[in-house]
Structure formats: C-alpha cells, structure tokens
C-alpha cells in the first residue's frame, strides 16, 4: 500500500500534530518514559564546534533524563558523530509505562549541510515496529513494518524553500540537530519543515534565539521552538544540547 502526501496541501493541524507528536513525553506526560542505551560524558572533541555547509554541530555523546511532573519518566542515551564529512546521529530511548518499558532506537544520517539522507527506527512497545525513511531532494519515502500487519509505504513531499528536520517521538538528541540548523548570523524567527517518522506526520516549526539565558545557574544559549499550540525552550552550552523545557507541560529533558 502506497500513499503520497504533499506537505503544502496538509492543513495547519498537521503541523501542530507533528510538533506535538514529536514531544510525546513533554506534551503528554502520561504517554511514556524513554531511555537510550549509549553514552556517558561528551567526548573531548565536543569542545570544538564543527561548522559545515550551514549545519552547526559538535561531536557529542551523553544521556538525558526525562522528567514529567518532577518524576523521572525515562532516559535517552545518544551519540552524534562525524562520518566522512557528514553526520550520524544515534539515539536509544526507554519509555516506562504502567504496561512496562518500551524501547525506541533511531539512527539518522545527515549530509554536511544538515539535509537528511536516511533514517531508521525500531520500537518494541505495544506493537513491535520498524521503518526506514530515505530522502531524495524534497521527497521522503517511508517503508513501515508493524507486527502482524502488511508492510506500508508512504511518500511525502516537502517545501522546496524550507530546511527539513527529522524530529521523531521520544528521541530528543534530534533537537540538537534542529538547533544546529538554526542560523545565528541570520537571527530572528526561522521556519523548518519537520517529519515525525513514527507518526508518519509532516509539518513545520519555528525557531528563534532568546540569546544568553540562565539555566539552573549556568549561562546558556536559548532557542525557542514553537507552533501555534506548543512552545519548547532548548538550552545549549557551546553547541551541546543540555536541557529541553516545556513551560506549559511541567516536563523537561535534562542532561546527566
């Protein structure tokens, strides 16, 4: 089964849904709790910002603690590594629910300019599922396999004028990539097309710099990510994502 969808033709609600879905833990604390299986401390190379083709990333490795209503809801381990001039971003989350833990793994391959090449994810939640997303220009082809169902293929077409970011459910390391796509020299509000692969949902978000702000007693760079219905604050220290806060949801992601 194959479906084709153009982002331009999808209504405003799709953009909202994409953003909300990508923050499953932050926006709806009851949905889950996640963790990853890698990462300790940032590598020594992370002290040097790597800038290539407009994407600003640093090699990094670490662990996020996921908090909902002040309680630990899970964790994610992640690693961001350069690869022959491009980038590979890996995340492994564990979500804790009343039904038990579920795990999500995601591997994102990026070109030097930040454009996605391929994304693979797996989950062992209520239903085991796996998918691969391949990108060609402004098109994405999603091949999804869910346990006990027929394989499903969907094709999406994105705006030719907006940078594209992959922001999947419960894999918060990918917001480091979104932050790296933001152009601080240009400043102001910058809009990005977004794909939430686990939800098969396209949309868009806006990002704006709030400059240097205090975060738990330390000065960091703050980026504000918005749709009409939701706001997230990203805090970065020399390019490394340290904290994500959802002011209206009493939830946050904190680096250990």
Foldseek 3Di string as FASTA:
>chain_A
DEAEEEQVPDDQVLQVVQVCQLAVCQNPVQPWAKEADDFPFFDPQQLDWDAFQLFIATWTWFKKFKDFLRHTFWMKTWTWDDDPLWIKIWMKMWIQHPVGIKIKIKIWTAHNNLATAKMKMWMPPPWTKIWIWGDDQQKIWIWIDIPPDDIYIYMYGYDNPFGEFEREHPGPQSVLRVVRNDDVVVFDKGKHWYAHRVVRTIHMKIKGWPQWDDDPRDTFTWIWIDDPVFIKIWTDDSSHTAKIHGPVRRIMMGTD
